[in-house]
């Protein structure tokens, strides 16, 4: 059995990191600017934060203010935003620690996420799961984030990690974190930021320019990065029995991935898609109304995946939506400045407390 997780910025936001575009804009606009195009952009941005909820989409639209003659100014603006976004995220992505209890929550988030379904949904999900072959569940992670929070929480070092066993009531599974990829790179290596394809570049001249396309079209940038990570991620999805989407808005600048997941769902009759979505809280008195919101989430995915109407109702039966789940409810601990682990630190504190209260001397006197 294979499970593919697509993780977005909601993962970092859930940890309490301020990684939203809106948080970045405040930081960015306060920085000085030498380039006139950058200064002008910041002036416009500072007056319209709400209109820039999706930075990548809006950058594609903003290209209309440039042309072939000042194309370099547009590309310089892209690089300036990228470099400063990387610096900002590095400040957010500081060293932190996770308790053993929260580490187990993190493991369960990958292996027992059906616990956040309703009992009826869990029953339906297990009915599909019993068609999957094998009792080893290989979990492949595709992160759309530039931060390294996931690696720190799971101690990912590039080798498979055992995540424990799980059961669906009939079959038991051995869970392994098999692979992890930053599909858009990290803040220090092949950081890819931009639109899904050239059609999302508003300016006709720049849309036809390789210089601009290679600087803002993510699919093109991934190919030119030469890492083959895009190919590996496509394989993780095509070979999966279950695909989970967490912390992602399913926006148009990642359409290539929604279309790929839609194609996978269409071609695999027992494959299931799980979407974890954050929405406004629903009163427990009317929790049954969550069905309406879940249908909206399903329809948004099916639309982004370009699924034809004749297939939508059938595929919707194999899409499970969990709203406001606590599956990655992980609390970060402050960084350990002394280099000791939690157990060692507890022992050291115990000895220090004894010395502070003169307990050690009292024990010596008693022994005498």
Protein backbone atom coordinates (compact mmCIF):
# COMPACT_ATOMS: atom_id res chain seq x y z
CA UNK A 1 0.00 0.00 0.00
CA UNK A 2 1.23 3.50 -0.84
CA UNK A 3 0.10 6.84 0.58
CA UNK A 4 1.10 10.22 -0.82
CA UNK A 5 0.79 13.38 1.27
CA UNK A 6 0.75 16.85 -0.32
CA UNK A 7 1.59 19.36 2.40
CA UNK A 8 1.07 23.11 2.05
CA UNK A 9 1.56 26.22 4.12
CA UNK A 10 -1.25 25.21 6.46
CA UNK A 11 1.21 22.76 8.02
CA UNK A 12 3.52 25.60 9.11
CA UNK A 13 0.64 27.89 10.10
CA UNK A 14 -0.70 25.13 12.34
CA UNK A 15 2.66 25.11 14.13
CA UNK A 16 2.22 28.79 14.92
CA UNK A 17 4.71 30.09 12.37
CA UNK A 18 3.81 33.37 10.65
CA UNK A 19 4.33 32.13 7.11
CA UNK A 20 1.31 33.63 5.38
CA UNK A 21 1.88 36.02 2.48
CA UNK A 22 0.18 38.76 4.47
CA UNK A 23 2.73 38.40 7.28
CA UNK A 24 5.54 38.55 4.73
CA UNK A 25 4.13 41.67 3.04
CA UNK A 26 4.39 43.71 6.23
CA UNK A 27 8.03 42.68 6.61
CA UNK A 28 8.82 43.23 2.94
CA UNK A 29 7.30 46.68 2.61
CA UNK A 30 9.33 47.96 5.55
CA UNK A 31 12.61 47.14 3.79
CA UNK A 32 14.45 49.81 1.83
CA UNK A 33 14.57 49.57 -1.97
CA UNK A 34 17.19 50.75 -4.47
CA UNK A 35 15.42 49.60 -7.64
CA UNK A 36 12.61 51.93 -8.73
CA UNK A 37 10.43 49.05 -9.94
CA UNK A 38 10.73 47.39 -6.52
CA UNK A 39 9.95 50.63 -4.66
CA UNK A 40 6.91 51.26 -6.85
CA UNK A 41 5.69 47.70 -6.32
CA UNK A 42 6.00 48.02 -2.54
CA UNK A 43 4.06 51.26 -2.58
CA UNK A 44 1.24 49.59 -4.48
CA UNK A 45 1.38 46.46 -2.30
CA UNK A 46 1.26 48.36 0.99
CA UNK A 47 -2.08 49.88 -0.04
CA UNK A 48 -3.63 46.62 -1.25
CA UNK A 49 -2.62 43.73 1.01
CA UNK A 50 -6.08 42.21 0.78
CA UNK A 51 -5.92 42.09 -3.02
CA UNK A 52 -2.72 40.06 -2.88
CA UNK A 53 -3.94 37.00 -0.98
CA UNK A 54 -2.13 34.79 -3.51
CA UNK A 55 1.28 36.28 -4.30
CA UNK A 56 2.04 34.02 -7.24
CA UNK A 57 -1.27 34.60 -9.01
CA UNK A 58 -1.01 38.36 -8.58
CA UNK A 59 2.59 38.48 -9.82
CA UNK A 60 1.43 36.89 -13.05
CA UNK A 61 -1.19 39.62 -13.35
CA UNK A 62 1.27 42.34 -12.36
CA UNK A 63 3.37 41.55 -15.43
CA UNK A 64 0.92 43.70 -17.42
CA UNK A 65 2.79 46.79 -16.18
CA UNK A 66 5.94 45.69 -18.04
CA UNK A 67 6.91 44.93 -21.61
CA UNK A 68 9.84 43.57 -23.60
CA UNK A 69 11.79 46.81 -23.17
CA UNK A 70 11.77 46.71 -19.36
CA UNK A 71 11.49 42.93 -18.92
CA UNK A 72 14.65 42.90 -16.81
CA UNK A 73 12.93 45.14 -14.26
CA UNK A 74 10.14 42.60 -13.88
CA UNK A 75 12.60 39.74 -13.46
CA UNK A 76 14.61 41.78 -10.91
CA UNK A 77 11.39 42.36 -9.00
CA UNK A 78 10.72 38.61 -8.95
CA UNK A 79 14.20 37.92 -7.63
CA UNK A 80 13.90 40.65 -4.99
CA UNK A 81 10.64 39.18 -3.70
CA UNK A 82 12.07 35.67 -3.77
CA UNK A 83 15.26 36.60 -1.89
CA UNK A 84 13.42 38.54 0.78
CA UNK A 85 10.76 35.86 1.15
CA UNK A 86 13.56 33.33 1.68
CA UNK A 87 15.17 35.53 4.34
CA UNK A 88 11.83 36.05 6.05
CA UNK A 89 11.01 32.32 6.10
CA UNK A 90 14.47 31.50 7.42
CA UNK A 91 13.71 33.73 10.39
CA UNK A 92 10.45 31.88 10.94
CA UNK A 93 12.03 28.49 10.34
CA UNK A 94 14.23 28.73 13.43
CA UNK A 95 15.53 25.77 15.37
CA UNK A 96 12.87 24.24 17.61
CA UNK A 97 12.13 21.06 19.51
CA UNK A 98 9.13 18.78 19.79
CA UNK A 99 8.18 16.75 22.86
CA UNK A 100 7.91 12.97 22.63
CA UNK A 101 4.14 13.26 23.09
CA UNK A 102 3.77 15.67 20.18
CA UNK A 103 6.12 13.59 18.06
CA UNK A 104 3.70 10.69 18.44
CA UNK A 105 0.87 13.04 17.36
CA UNK A 106 2.91 13.87 14.28
CA UNK A 107 3.34 10.17 13.51
CA UNK A 108 -0.38 9.50 14.00
CA UNK A 109 -1.20 12.36 11.65
CA UNK A 110 0.42 10.41 8.83
CA UNK A 111 -0.76 6.94 9.79
CA UNK A 112 -4.14 7.28 11.55
CA UNK A 113 -5.69 10.34 9.91
CA UNK A 114 -9.01 8.49 9.48
CA UNK A 115 -9.54 9.06 13.21
CA UNK A 116 -10.60 12.56 12.20
CA UNK A 117 -13.40 11.24 9.98
CA UNK A 118 -16.96 10.75 11.15
CA UNK A 119 -17.75 7.09 12.02
CA UNK A 120 -19.69 6.74 8.76
CA UNK A 121 -16.84 8.20 6.70
CA UNK A 122 -14.35 5.94 8.49
CA UNK A 123 -16.44 2.90 7.64
CA UNK A 124 -16.62 3.91 3.98
CA UNK A 125 -12.88 4.66 3.88
CA UNK A 126 -12.00 1.24 5.35
CA UNK A 127 -14.22 -0.42 2.73
CA UNK A 128 -11.97 1.09 0.03
CA UNK A 129 -8.77 0.44 1.97
CA UNK A 130 -9.31 -3.32 1.99
CA UNK A 131 -8.79 -3.39 -1.76
CA UNK A 132 -5.23 -2.08 -1.35
CA UNK A 133 -2.47 -4.63 -1.69
CA UNK A 134 0.16 -5.33 0.95
CA UNK A 135 0.35 -4.79 4.68
CA UNK A 136 3.22 -2.30 4.52
CA UNK A 137 2.11 1.30 4.08
CA UNK A 138 4.84 3.36 2.39
CA UNK A 139 4.20 7.06 2.96
CA UNK A 140 5.67 9.57 0.50
CA UNK A 141 5.61 13.28 1.35
CA UNK A 142 5.45 16.07 -1.23
CA UNK A 143 5.97 19.38 0.53
CA UNK A 144 5.01 22.60 -1.25
CA UNK A 145 6.73 24.59 1.51
CA UNK A 146 10.18 26.16 1.44
CA UNK A 147 10.69 25.69 5.18
CA UNK A 148 12.33 22.68 6.84
CA UNK A 149 9.83 22.20 9.64
CA UNK A 150 8.77 18.73 8.52
CA UNK A 151 12.34 17.41 8.49
CA UNK A 152 12.93 18.71 12.00
CA UNK A 153 9.74 17.26 13.47
CA UNK A 154 10.22 13.82 11.92
CA UNK A 155 14.04 13.77 12.11
CA UNK A 156 14.09 13.16 8.37
CA UNK A 157 17.64 12.41 7.20
CA UNK A 158 16.86 10.95 3.77
CA UNK A 159 16.28 7.39 4.98
CA UNK A 160 13.09 5.45 5.68
CA UNK A 161 11.61 5.95 9.16
CA UNK A 162 9.38 3.41 10.95
CA UNK A 163 6.16 5.13 12.10
CA UNK A 164 4.57 2.20 13.94
CA UNK A 165 1.57 0.01 13.22
CA UNK A 166 -2.07 0.84 12.51
CA UNK A 167 -5.25 -1.14 11.90
CA UNK A 168 -8.53 -0.74 10.05
CA UNK A 169 -10.27 -3.27 12.28
CA UNK A 170 -9.49 -6.19 10.01
CA UNK A 171 -6.01 -5.66 8.60
CA UNK A 172 -2.92 -4.33 10.33
CA UNK A 173 -0.35 -2.18 8.56
CA UNK A 174 3.32 -1.43 9.15
CA UNK A 175 3.83 2.25 8.37
CA UNK A 176 7.04 3.68 6.94
CA UNK A 177 7.93 7.25 6.04
CA UNK A 178 9.55 6.23 2.77
CA UNK A 179 10.44 9.51 1.03
CA UNK A 180 10.23 13.26 1.27
CA UNK A 181 10.51 15.93 -1.43
CA UNK A 182 10.40 19.72 -1.52
CA UNK A 183 8.69 20.02 -4.89
CA UNK A 184 9.41 23.76 -5.04
CA UNK A 185 12.80 23.63 -3.35
CA UNK A 186 13.87 25.30 -0.12
CA UNK A 187 14.95 28.80 0.86
CA UNK A 188 18.56 27.96 0.03
CA UNK A 189 18.29 25.65 -2.99
CA UNK A 190 16.20 25.83 -6.19
CA UNK A 191 13.48 27.94 -4.58
CA UNK A 192 10.69 27.94 -7.15
CA UNK A 193 8.04 30.66 -6.91
CA UNK A 194 5.62 31.60 -9.64
CA UNK A 195 2.66 30.60 -11.78
CA UNK A 196 1.56 27.23 -13.08
CA UNK A 197 2.06 27.95 -16.79
CA UNK A 198 2.65 30.78 -19.28
CA UNK A 199 -1.08 31.45 -19.71
CA UNK A 200 -1.05 32.95 -16.21
CA UNK A 201 1.40 35.67 -17.32
CA UNK A 202 -0.86 38.60 -18.17
CA UNK A 203 1.57 40.41 -20.51
CA UNK A 204 1.55 38.98 -24.05
CA UNK A 205 5.17 39.92 -24.79
CA UNK A 206 6.54 38.48 -21.56
CA UNK A 207 4.45 35.35 -21.97
CA UNK A 208 6.43 34.62 -25.15
CA UNK A 209 9.82 35.46 -23.60
CA UNK A 210 11.94 32.54 -22.41
CA UNK A 211 13.70 34.85 -19.97
CA UNK A 212 10.46 35.58 -18.11
CA UNK A 213 9.00 32.10 -18.51
CA UNK A 214 12.12 30.53 -17.01
CA UNK A 215 11.89 32.93 -14.07
CA UNK A 216 8.22 32.58 -13.12
CA UNK A 217 6.64 29.41 -14.58
CA UNK A 218 7.05 26.70 -11.95
CA UNK A 219 6.80 23.71 -14.28
CA UNK A 220 9.52 25.17 -16.50
CA UNK A 221 11.69 26.08 -13.51
CA UNK A 222 11.43 22.56 -12.10
CA UNK A 223 12.56 21.02 -15.38
CA UNK A 224 15.47 23.44 -15.61
CA UNK A 225 16.48 22.73 -12.01
CA UNK A 226 17.39 19.27 -13.30
CA UNK A 227 16.79 17.51 -9.98
CA UNK A 228 14.10 15.10 -11.32
CA UNK A 229 12.13 15.75 -8.13
CA UNK A 230 9.08 16.61 -10.26
CA UNK A 231 9.28 13.17 -11.89
CA UNK A 232 9.63 11.46 -8.51
CA UNK A 233 6.61 13.33 -7.14
CA UNK A 234 4.52 12.37 -10.15
CA UNK A 235 5.45 8.74 -9.49
CA UNK A 236 4.45 9.01 -5.81
CA UNK A 237 1.00 10.15 -6.88
CA UNK A 238 0.50 7.72 -9.75
CA UNK A 239 1.56 4.76 -7.58
CA UNK A 240 -0.49 5.80 -4.54
CA UNK A 241 -3.59 4.07 -3.22
CA UNK A 242 -4.42 7.10 -1.07
CA UNK A 243 -3.56 10.75 -1.65
CA UNK A 244 -3.94 13.24 1.21
CA UNK A 245 -3.94 17.00 0.71
CA UNK A 246 -3.26 19.02 3.84
CA UNK A 247 -2.92 22.75 4.38
CA UNK A 248 -3.34 23.71 0.73
CA UNK A 249 -5.79 26.13 -0.87
CA UNK A 250 -5.76 24.14 -4.13
CA UNK A 251 -5.01 27.31 -6.04
CA UNK A 252 -4.54 27.73 -9.76
CA UNK A 253 -0.75 28.20 -9.64
CA UNK A 254 -0.44 24.48 -8.80
CA UNK A 255 -3.01 23.29 -11.34
CA UNK A 256 -0.61 20.76 -12.80
CA UNK A 257 -0.74 18.81 -9.54
CA UNK A 258 -4.52 18.96 -9.13
CA UNK A 259 -4.94 17.71 -12.68
CA UNK A 260 -2.48 14.89 -11.98
CA UNK A 261 -4.34 13.84 -8.83
CA UNK A 262 -7.64 14.04 -10.73
CA UNK A 263 -6.28 11.81 -13.49
CA UNK A 264 -5.02 9.34 -10.87
CA UNK A 265 -8.42 9.26 -9.15
CA UNK A 266 -10.16 8.73 -12.48
CA UNK A 267 -7.91 5.85 -13.54
CA UNK A 268 -7.74 3.93 -10.22
CA UNK A 269 -11.20 2.60 -9.31
CA UNK A 270 -10.47 2.04 -5.60
CA UNK A 271 -8.14 4.99 -5.02
CA UNK A 272 -9.25 7.49 -2.39
CA UNK A 273 -8.48 11.17 -1.99
CA UNK A 274 -8.52 12.81 1.43
CA UNK A 275 -8.62 16.61 1.70
CA UNK A 276 -8.02 18.33 5.03
CA UNK A 277 -9.47 21.81 4.92
CA UNK A 278 -9.58 24.68 7.41
CA UNK A 279 -12.85 26.62 7.46
CA UNK A 280 -14.87 28.75 9.86
CA UNK A 281 -15.91 26.80 12.92
CA UNK A 282 -19.29 25.09 12.69
CA UNK A 283 -21.56 25.00 15.73
CA UNK A 284 -21.66 21.55 17.32
CA UNK A 285 -25.44 21.93 17.39
CA UNK A 286 -25.47 21.93 13.61
CA UNK A 287 -22.45 19.77 12.80
CA UNK A 288 -24.55 17.94 10.23
CA UNK A 289 -24.28 21.07 8.06
CA UNK A 290 -20.58 20.32 7.56
CA UNK A 291 -21.75 18.19 4.64
CA UNK A 292 -22.47 21.34 2.64
CA UNK A 293 -18.96 22.68 3.15
CA UNK A 294 -17.41 19.31 2.37
CA UNK A 295 -19.28 19.25 -0.94
CA UNK A 296 -17.91 22.72 -1.73
CA UNK A 297 -14.36 21.50 -1.06
CA UNK A 298 -14.89 18.46 -3.27
CA UNK A 299 -16.30 20.60 -6.08
CA UNK A 300 -13.40 23.02 -5.86
CA UNK A 301 -10.94 20.16 -6.27
CA UNK A 302 -12.87 18.59 -9.15
CA UNK A 303 -12.99 21.96 -10.89
CA UNK A 304 -9.26 22.62 -10.42
CA UNK A 305 -8.56 19.07 -11.61
CA UNK A 306 -10.63 19.75 -14.76
CA UNK A 307 -12.85 16.69 -14.21
CA UNK A 308 -15.72 16.46 -16.69
CA UNK A 309 -19.25 16.67 -15.36
CA UNK A 310 -20.04 13.07 -16.30
CA UNK A 311 -17.38 11.78 -13.88
CA UNK A 312 -17.79 14.18 -10.97
CA UNK A 313 -20.52 12.45 -8.94
CA UNK A 314 -18.75 9.09 -9.17
CA UNK A 315 -15.36 10.46 -8.13
CA UNK A 316 -16.89 12.52 -5.32
CA UNK A 317 -17.81 9.26 -3.57
CA UNK A 318 -14.10 8.49 -3.24
CA UNK A 319 -13.15 11.90 -1.87
CA UNK A 320 -13.18 12.35 1.90
CA UNK A 321 -13.04 15.81 3.44
CA UNK A 322 -12.03 16.53 7.03
CA UNK A 323 -12.69 20.02 8.36
CA UNK A 324 -10.52 21.73 10.99
CA UNK A 325 -8.90 18.47 12.05
CA UNK A 326 -6.33 18.41 14.88
CA UNK A 327 -4.18 15.80 13.16
CA UNK A 328 -0.97 17.86 13.29
CA UNK A 329 -1.76 19.65 16.55
CA UNK A 330 1.91 19.92 17.48
CA UNK A 331 3.28 22.41 19.97
CA UNK A 332 6.81 23.62 19.32
CA UNK A 333 9.23 23.94 22.22
CA UNK A 334 11.80 26.75 22.41
CA UNK A 335 15.23 25.93 20.93
CA UNK A 336 17.64 24.08 23.20
CA UNK A 337 20.62 26.39 23.56
CA UNK A 338 22.67 23.97 25.64
CA UNK A 339 22.69 21.10 23.15
CA UNK A 340 21.23 18.56 25.60
CA UNK A 341 18.24 16.34 24.92
CA UNK A 342 15.08 16.51 27.01
CA UNK A 343 15.97 13.55 29.25
CA UNK A 344 19.47 14.84 29.94
CA UNK A 345 18.15 18.31 30.59
CA UNK A 346 15.64 16.97 33.15
CA UNK A 347 18.41 15.12 35.00
CA UNK A 348 20.65 18.19 35.01
CA UNK A 349 17.83 20.37 36.34
CA UNK A 350 17.20 17.84 39.12
CA UNK A 351 20.83 17.97 40.25
CA UNK A 352 20.88 21.76 40.02
CA UNK A 353 17.75 21.98 42.18
CA UNK A 354 19.30 19.66 44.73
CA UNK A 355 22.44 21.78 44.93
CA UNK A 356 20.43 25.00 45.09
CA UNK A 357 18.42 23.75 48.07
CA UNK A 358 21.42 22.10 49.71
CA UNK A 359 19.72 18.69 49.51
CA UNK A 360 22.98 16.98 48.67
CA UNK A 361 24.63 18.20 51.90
CA UNK A 362 21.67 17.04 53.94
CA UNK A 363 21.85 13.59 52.39
CA UNK A 364 25.56 13.37 53.23
CA UNK A 365 24.90 14.29 56.88
CA UNK A 366 22.17 11.68 57.18
CA UNK A 367 24.41 9.01 55.72
CA UNK A 368 27.10 9.86 58.25
